[in-house]
Amino acid sequence: MALYAELHRHLGGSVVPRILWRYFQRNEPGQSTQFEDYADFEDFYTRPRNTLDEYLELHTIVEKVQTAETLPYFIYRLLRGAYVFENLAYLELRYSPYLRTPEALSQSDRINATAEIIQVVGEASQNQPYPIVNSQILCMHSKLPFEVNKAMIDLAVQFPQYVCGVDLAGGNREYQERLPEFVELYKYALARGINTTGHLFETTEGCFPELLPYLKRVGHGIQIPLLYPELLKDVAARGQCLEVCPTTYLQTGTLESLDQLKVVFDRCFEAGVDIAICTDNAGLHNVRLPFEYENLLTHNIINFDQLRTCQDAAFKHAFAWNHKARPETILNSVLHPEIGAVSSQS
């Protein structure tokens, strides 16, 4: 039984189409009646989009139904699938808790309600029969005000038992005009001892080297080896890891073929830059982590030794993982549950 670590998975995009369809049928039938049947819905939900912005719109479908009341429903099914079908030992779930709060509230009240969302997700994630070490990454967002994004950092400090880092998500167009603001936020996070990652160098429009020095890991980052390989030396020197999510780049139209990723892996291996292979949005893609591995192998993008290197890198760079432990420690607790359940603080 191999055990894996997943470092880049969105809470909204993790909901597989069948689970979301059943939720709509049971709780919001008006949503499901827009489609002829489940197959029609699945095709809509999982088909490739033309651009990253079009792809990101899909997250709003799930954000609207992931409330404080419904999140335990989705969390349970997410972790069940991750354990049963993916053999995950470790999982970081990233999301914007602010976008799960009622829109009718004032900004200050929504920030207060965000704390409740973090607690709900944390409690639902840890009170599970599936022994997966898990933690949250709170997403700042390129469309949210500075005060809201700063509050995500403060909440990460407030809930260390549930949160292991912060991220910056959203469309690329907003990054450019707000770069000084995001630099300030990342500096603030690091000063408060919070781990940092961020969606960067995913597309040709999202290349902002000004933010790189403030990240412990780089969300995606594929355009660094593709377009700016001269940056790899500094990335390696900082010990940063790229969170590469292969299927995403086909779903967003960023790449035409997985074969284009061979340059990414080859140049990173040569430069000594670690890569963690991730899913990003396993539900939107209908592709779980073992299949990401298999796709890379069957396309001869990496070999089995390189796959093991990437799998080890995922544990090495995990924000909330006990790095003195190995995956076999988790396996032992699975096979011998009388030893005790695995907690997020293992």
Protein backbone atom coordinates (compact mmCIF):
# COMPACT_ATOMS: atom_id res chain seq x y z
CA MET A 1 0.00 0.00 0.00
CA ALA A 2 1.78 3.13 -1.24
CA LEU A 3 1.01 6.34 0.60
CA TYR A 4 1.09 9.78 -0.98
CA ALA A 5 1.08 13.46 -0.05
CA GLU A 6 -1.06 16.05 -1.87
CA LEU A 7 0.07 19.66 -1.49
CA HIS A 8 -2.14 21.54 -3.95
CA ARG A 9 -5.83 20.71 -3.86
CA HIS A 10 -8.70 23.16 -3.72
CA LEU A 11 -11.62 22.44 -1.44
CA GLY A 12 -14.15 23.55 -4.05
CA GLY A 13 -12.52 21.80 -6.98
CA SER A 14 -12.17 18.58 -4.99
CA VAL A 15 -15.88 17.80 -5.09
CA VAL A 16 -16.27 15.03 -7.67
CA PRO A 17 -19.20 15.51 -10.06
CA ARG A 18 -21.25 12.58 -8.74
CA ILE A 19 -21.14 13.92 -5.16
CA LEU A 20 -22.12 17.43 -6.28
CA TRP A 21 -24.91 16.06 -8.47
CA ARG A 22 -26.37 14.07 -5.57
CA TYR A 23 -26.16 17.11 -3.32
CA PHE A 24 -28.08 19.20 -5.86
CA GLN A 25 -30.73 16.52 -6.31
CA ARG A 26 -31.30 16.19 -2.57
CA ASN A 27 -30.99 19.82 -1.51
CA GLU A 28 -31.20 22.14 -4.52
CA PRO A 29 -33.13 20.31 -7.25
CA GLY A 30 -33.39 23.50 -9.29
CA GLN A 31 -29.66 23.25 -9.99
CA SER A 32 -29.87 19.72 -11.39
CA THR A 33 -32.91 20.41 -13.59
CA GLN A 34 -30.73 22.67 -15.73
CA PHE A 35 -29.21 19.48 -17.17
CA GLU A 36 -30.83 16.56 -19.01
CA ASP A 37 -29.21 13.97 -16.75
CA TYR A 38 -26.07 13.24 -14.78
CA ALA A 39 -24.00 12.59 -17.91
CA ASP A 40 -24.91 16.05 -19.21
CA PHE A 41 -23.90 17.62 -15.89
CA GLU A 42 -20.62 15.69 -15.73
CA ASP A 43 -19.73 16.78 -19.24
CA PHE A 44 -20.38 20.42 -18.35
CA TYR A 45 -18.47 20.19 -15.05
CA THR A 46 -15.36 18.40 -16.27
CA ARG A 47 -14.83 19.48 -19.87
CA PRO A 48 -11.77 21.60 -20.73
CA ARG A 49 -12.12 25.39 -20.79
CA ASN A 50 -10.47 27.85 -23.16
CA THR A 51 -8.83 30.07 -20.55
CA LEU A 52 -7.85 30.11 -16.90
CA ASP A 53 -10.46 32.79 -16.15
CA GLU A 54 -13.22 30.65 -17.67
CA TYR A 55 -11.98 27.67 -15.67
CA LEU A 56 -11.94 29.63 -12.40
CA GLU A 57 -15.64 30.47 -12.81
CA LEU A 58 -16.42 26.82 -12.06
CA HIS A 59 -15.29 27.33 -8.48
CA THR A 60 -18.19 29.69 -7.86
CA ILE A 61 -20.64 26.81 -8.39
CA VAL A 62 -19.28 24.97 -5.37
CA GLU A 63 -18.42 28.01 -3.24
CA LYS A 64 -22.09 28.95 -3.13
CA VAL A 65 -23.14 25.61 -1.64
CA GLN A 66 -20.19 25.11 0.74
CA THR A 67 -21.57 26.85 3.80
CA ALA A 68 -20.95 26.36 7.51
CA GLU A 69 -23.89 23.94 7.52
CA THR A 70 -22.95 21.89 4.46
CA LEU A 71 -19.14 21.78 4.65
CA PRO A 72 -19.03 18.67 6.91
CA TYR A 73 -21.00 16.81 4.20
CA PHE A 74 -18.42 17.66 1.56
CA ILE A 75 -15.38 17.21 3.82
CA TYR A 76 -16.39 13.68 4.85
CA ARG A 77 -16.83 12.55 1.26
CA LEU A 78 -13.66 14.27 0.13
CA LEU A 79 -11.49 12.56 2.76
CA ARG A 80 -13.23 9.22 2.25
CA GLY A 81 -12.38 9.32 -1.46
CA ALA A 82 -8.84 10.53 -0.82
CA TYR A 83 -8.19 7.63 1.53
CA VAL A 84 -10.02 4.83 -0.27
CA PHE A 85 -9.15 5.69 -3.87
CA GLU A 86 -5.91 7.67 -3.60
CA ASN A 87 -4.07 6.24 -0.57
CA LEU A 88 -3.33 9.72 0.73
CA ALA A 89 -1.37 9.94 3.97
CA TYR A 90 -1.23 13.74 3.91
CA LEU A 91 -3.49 16.39 2.42
CA GLU A 92 -3.46 20.17 2.38
CA LEU A 93 -6.80 21.70 1.41
CA ARG A 94 -6.71 25.26 0.15
CA TYR A 95 -9.71 27.52 -0.19
CA SER A 96 -11.00 31.00 0.46
CA PRO A 97 -13.13 30.71 3.63
CA TYR A 98 -14.34 34.29 3.16
CA LEU A 99 -16.14 33.24 -0.03
CA ARG A 100 -18.08 30.62 1.99
CA THR A 101 -19.70 33.32 4.16
CA PRO A 102 -23.07 35.00 3.44
CA GLU A 103 -22.72 37.79 0.87
CA ALA A 104 -25.42 39.85 2.59
CA LEU A 105 -23.18 40.48 5.60
CA SER A 106 -20.90 43.48 5.91
CA GLN A 107 -17.21 42.99 5.23
CA SER A 108 -16.33 43.01 8.94
CA ASP A 109 -19.12 40.53 9.73
CA ARG A 110 -17.98 38.27 6.89
CA ILE A 111 -14.44 38.28 8.30
CA ASN A 112 -15.87 37.26 11.68
CA ALA A 113 -17.92 34.53 9.98
CA THR A 114 -14.75 33.34 8.24
CA ALA A 115 -13.39 32.18 11.60
CA GLU A 116 -16.42 29.92 11.98
CA ILE A 117 -15.82 28.43 8.53
CA ILE A 118 -12.21 27.62 9.42
CA GLN A 119 -13.34 25.92 12.63
CA VAL A 120 -16.04 23.92 10.83
CA VAL A 121 -13.59 22.71 8.18
CA GLY A 122 -10.97 21.94 10.82
CA GLU A 123 -13.29 19.96 13.06
CA ALA A 124 -14.88 18.11 10.15
CA SER A 125 -11.43 17.25 8.74
CA GLN A 126 -10.05 15.90 12.00
CA ASN A 127 -13.10 14.02 13.27
CA GLN A 128 -12.88 11.36 10.58
CA PRO A 129 -12.45 7.58 10.49
CA TYR A 130 -9.83 8.03 7.76
CA PRO A 131 -6.28 8.51 9.14
CA ILE A 132 -5.09 11.25 6.82
CA VAL A 133 -2.91 14.00 8.27
CA ASN A 134 -4.54 17.15 6.92
CA SER A 135 -4.44 20.89 7.27
CA GLN A 136 -5.83 24.04 5.64
CA ILE A 137 -4.21 26.66 3.46
CA LEU A 138 -6.19 29.90 3.51
CA CYS A 139 -6.38 31.64 0.15
CA MET A 140 -6.00 35.34 -0.19
CA HIS A 141 -7.59 36.37 -3.48
CA SER A 142 -6.60 38.81 -6.18
CA LYS A 143 -10.14 40.24 -6.23
CA LEU A 144 -10.57 40.62 -2.48
CA PRO A 145 -9.73 43.86 -0.62
CA PHE A 146 -6.43 44.24 1.21
CA GLU A 147 -8.19 44.17 4.59
CA VAL A 148 -9.80 40.81 3.82
CA ASN A 149 -6.56 39.29 2.58
CA LYS A 150 -4.70 40.53 5.65
CA ALA A 151 -7.41 38.97 7.80
CA MET A 152 -6.63 35.57 6.23
CA ILE A 153 -3.09 35.84 7.57
CA ASP A 154 -4.32 36.87 11.02
CA LEU A 155 -6.74 33.93 11.04
CA ALA A 156 -3.93 31.57 10.06
CA VAL A 157 -2.10 32.79 13.16
CA GLN A 158 -5.26 32.40 15.26
CA PHE A 159 -5.90 28.78 14.21
CA PRO A 160 -2.53 26.98 14.07
CA GLN A 161 -4.25 23.72 14.95
CA TYR A 162 -6.15 23.85 11.65
CA VAL A 163 -4.12 26.08 9.30
CA CYS A 164 -0.61 25.48 7.94
CA GLY A 165 -0.20 28.34 5.45
CA VAL A 166 -1.61 31.01 3.15
CA ASP A 167 -1.94 31.17 -0.62
CA LEU A 168 -2.77 33.81 -3.23
CA ALA A 169 -5.38 32.72 -5.76
CA GLY A 170 -7.48 34.36 -8.47
CA GLY A 171 -7.04 35.66 -11.98
CA ASN A 172 -3.72 36.93 -13.27
CA ARG A 173 -4.93 40.32 -14.51
CA GLU A 174 -5.44 41.65 -10.99
CA TYR A 175 -1.94 40.65 -9.88
CA GLN A 176 -0.10 43.26 -11.92
CA GLU A 177 -1.74 46.38 -10.53
CA ARG A 178 -1.61 45.09 -6.95
CA LEU A 179 1.90 43.65 -6.80
CA PRO A 180 3.19 46.04 -4.07
CA GLU A 181 0.14 45.15 -1.99
CA PHE A 182 0.73 41.41 -2.34
CA VAL A 183 4.43 41.79 -1.52
CA GLU A 184 3.42 43.60 1.67
CA LEU A 185 0.97 40.82 2.57
CA TYR A 186 3.53 38.09 2.03
CA LYS A 187 6.09 39.97 4.13
CA TYR A 188 3.48 40.26 6.84
CA ALA A 189 2.74 36.52 6.70
CA LEU A 190 6.40 35.55 6.92
CA ALA A 191 6.97 37.97 9.80
CA ARG A 192 4.15 36.24 11.67
CA GLY A 193 5.63 32.81 11.05
CA ILE A 194 3.09 31.67 8.45
CA ASN A 195 4.07 29.37 5.59
CA THR A 196 3.50 30.83 2.14
CA THR A 197 2.65 29.56 -1.31
CA GLY A 198 0.97 31.28 -4.24
CA HIS A 199 -0.43 30.76 -7.71
CA LEU A 200 2.42 32.04 -9.84
CA PHE A 201 4.02 31.33 -13.23
CA GLU A 202 1.09 29.08 -14.12
CA THR A 203 0.26 30.88 -17.36
CA THR A 204 2.28 33.20 -19.57
CA GLU A 205 0.26 36.12 -18.13
CA GLY A 206 0.96 35.14 -14.53
CA CYS A 207 4.75 35.55 -14.37
CA PHE A 208 5.66 37.90 -11.54
CA PRO A 209 9.21 37.31 -10.25
CA GLU A 210 8.71 40.09 -7.68
CA LEU A 211 6.68 37.65 -5.55
CA LEU A 212 9.00 34.65 -5.78
CA PRO A 213 11.34 35.56 -2.89
CA TYR A 214 8.42 35.52 -0.45
CA LEU A 215 7.15 32.01 -1.23
CA LYS A 216 8.19 28.79 0.45
CA ARG A 217 6.51 26.86 -2.38
CA VAL A 218 5.36 27.96 -5.81
CA GLY A 219 1.83 27.05 -6.87
CA HIS A 220 2.29 25.62 -10.38
CA GLY A 221 5.38 27.58 -11.51
CA ILE A 222 5.66 25.73 -14.84
CA GLN A 223 6.49 28.88 -16.81
CA ILE A 224 9.72 29.24 -14.84
CA PRO A 225 11.43 26.27 -16.53
CA LEU A 226 9.51 26.85 -19.77
CA LEU A 227 10.09 30.59 -20.27
CA TYR A 228 12.47 31.77 -17.54
CA PRO A 229 14.91 28.91 -16.85
CA GLU A 230 17.46 31.47 -15.65
CA LEU A 231 15.33 31.79 -12.49
CA LEU A 232 15.73 28.12 -11.59
CA LYS A 233 19.09 28.71 -9.91
CA ASP A 234 17.55 31.10 -7.40
CA VAL A 235 14.51 28.85 -6.91
CA ALA A 236 16.85 25.98 -6.07
CA ALA A 237 18.95 28.16 -3.76
CA ARG A 238 15.83 29.17 -1.81
CA GLY A 239 14.82 25.51 -1.51
CA GLN A 240 11.45 26.19 -3.12
CA CYS A 241 9.26 23.44 -4.51
CA LEU A 242 6.99 23.70 -7.55
CA GLU A 243 3.45 22.38 -7.10
CA VAL A 244 2.88 20.99 -10.60
CA CYS A 245 -0.70 19.97 -11.46
CA PRO A 246 -0.53 18.28 -14.90
CA THR A 247 -4.20 17.91 -15.87
CA THR A 248 -4.97 21.52 -14.96
CA TYR A 249 -2.87 22.83 -17.83
CA LEU A 250 -4.96 20.90 -20.34
CA GLN A 251 -8.23 21.95 -18.69
CA THR A 252 -7.31 25.63 -18.80
CA GLY A 253 -5.81 25.64 -22.29
CA THR A 254 -2.41 26.58 -20.86
CA LEU A 255 -0.75 23.61 -22.59
CA GLU A 256 -1.84 21.70 -25.67
CA SER A 257 -0.31 18.41 -24.55
CA LEU A 258 1.11 16.80 -21.42
CA ASP A 259 4.26 16.15 -23.44
CA GLN A 260 5.16 19.82 -23.00
CA LEU A 261 5.75 19.11 -19.32
CA LYS A 262 8.82 17.02 -20.07
CA VAL A 263 10.85 20.22 -20.41
CA VAL A 264 9.51 21.33 -17.02
CA PHE A 265 10.58 18.17 -15.24
CA ASP A 266 13.90 17.80 -17.08
CA ARG A 267 15.03 21.37 -16.39
CA CYS A 268 13.93 21.24 -12.75
CA PHE A 269 15.71 17.94 -12.12
CA GLU A 270 18.85 19.33 -13.76
CA ALA A 271 18.71 22.53 -11.67
CA GLY A 272 17.98 20.72 -8.41
CA VAL A 273 14.46 22.17 -8.06
CA ASP A 274 11.97 19.91 -6.30
CA ILE A 275 8.58 19.15 -7.86
CA ALA A 276 5.53 17.86 -6.02
CA ILE A 277 2.96 16.35 -8.39
CA CYS A 278 -0.54 17.50 -7.43
CA THR A 279 -4.14 17.42 -8.68
CA ASP A 280 -5.28 21.03 -8.07
CA ASN A 281 -8.97 20.27 -8.69
CA ALA A 282 -9.45 16.52 -8.75
CA GLY A 283 -13.24 16.86 -8.93
CA LEU A 284 -13.27 19.27 -11.84
CA HIS A 285 -10.89 16.98 -13.72
CA ASN A 286 -12.22 13.58 -12.65
CA VAL A 287 -8.52 12.67 -12.30
CA ARG A 288 -7.18 11.54 -8.94
CA LEU A 289 -3.54 11.71 -7.85
CA PRO A 290 -2.48 8.14 -8.83
CA PHE A 291 -3.75 8.83 -12.35
CA GLU A 292 -1.70 12.01 -12.53
CA TYR A 293 1.30 9.80 -11.78
CA GLU A 294 0.26 7.23 -14.36
CA ASN A 295 -0.32 9.82 -17.07
CA LEU A 296 3.16 11.27 -16.62
CA LEU A 297 4.70 7.81 -16.76
CA THR A 298 2.79 6.61 -19.82
CA HIS A 299 3.68 9.78 -21.71
CA ASN A 300 7.37 9.19 -20.84
CA ILE A 301 7.56 12.58 -19.17
CA ILE A 302 9.19 11.04 -16.08
CA ASN A 303 10.42 7.58 -15.13
CA PHE A 304 9.68 5.59 -11.99
CA ASP A 305 12.78 6.80 -10.15
CA GLN A 306 11.84 10.41 -10.89
CA LEU A 307 8.29 9.72 -9.76
CA ARG A 308 9.59 8.49 -6.41
CA THR A 309 11.73 11.63 -6.16
CA CYS A 310 8.62 13.79 -6.67
CA GLN A 311 6.60 11.74 -4.19
CA ASP A 312 9.35 12.18 -1.60
CA ALA A 313 9.49 15.92 -2.37
CA ALA A 314 5.80 16.23 -1.52
CA PHE A 315 6.43 14.96 2.01
CA LYS A 316 9.64 16.97 2.30
CA HIS A 317 7.85 20.25 1.54
CA ALA A 318 4.56 19.54 3.33
CA PHE A 319 3.84 22.40 5.72
CA ALA A 320 2.20 20.35 8.49
CA TRP A 321 4.02 17.03 8.14
CA ASN A 322 6.22 15.63 10.89
CA HIS A 323 9.39 15.32 8.82
CA LYS A 324 10.90 12.82 11.25
CA ALA A 325 8.17 10.39 10.27
CA ARG A 326 7.92 8.48 7.02
CA PRO A 327 4.78 7.41 5.17
CA GLU A 328 5.32 3.95 6.66
CA THR A 329 4.46 5.45 10.06
CA ILE A 330 1.02 6.32 8.76
CA LEU A 331 0.68 2.89 7.15
CA ASN A 332 1.43 1.26 10.48
CA SER A 333 -1.35 3.24 12.14
CA VAL A 334 -3.74 2.21 9.37
CA LEU A 335 -2.92 -1.47 9.74
CA HIS A 336 -2.85 -1.29 13.52
CA PRO A 337 -5.54 1.23 14.54
CA GLU A 338 -5.31 0.15 18.18
CA ILE A 339 -2.11 2.23 18.35
CA GLY A 340 -4.22 5.34 18.05
CA ALA A 341 -5.63 7.66 15.42
CA VAL A 342 -3.36 9.96 13.48
CA SER A 343 -3.91 13.63 14.22
CA SER A 344 -3.00 16.70 12.22
CA GLN A 345 -0.22 17.35 14.74
CA SER A 346 1.50 13.96 14.19
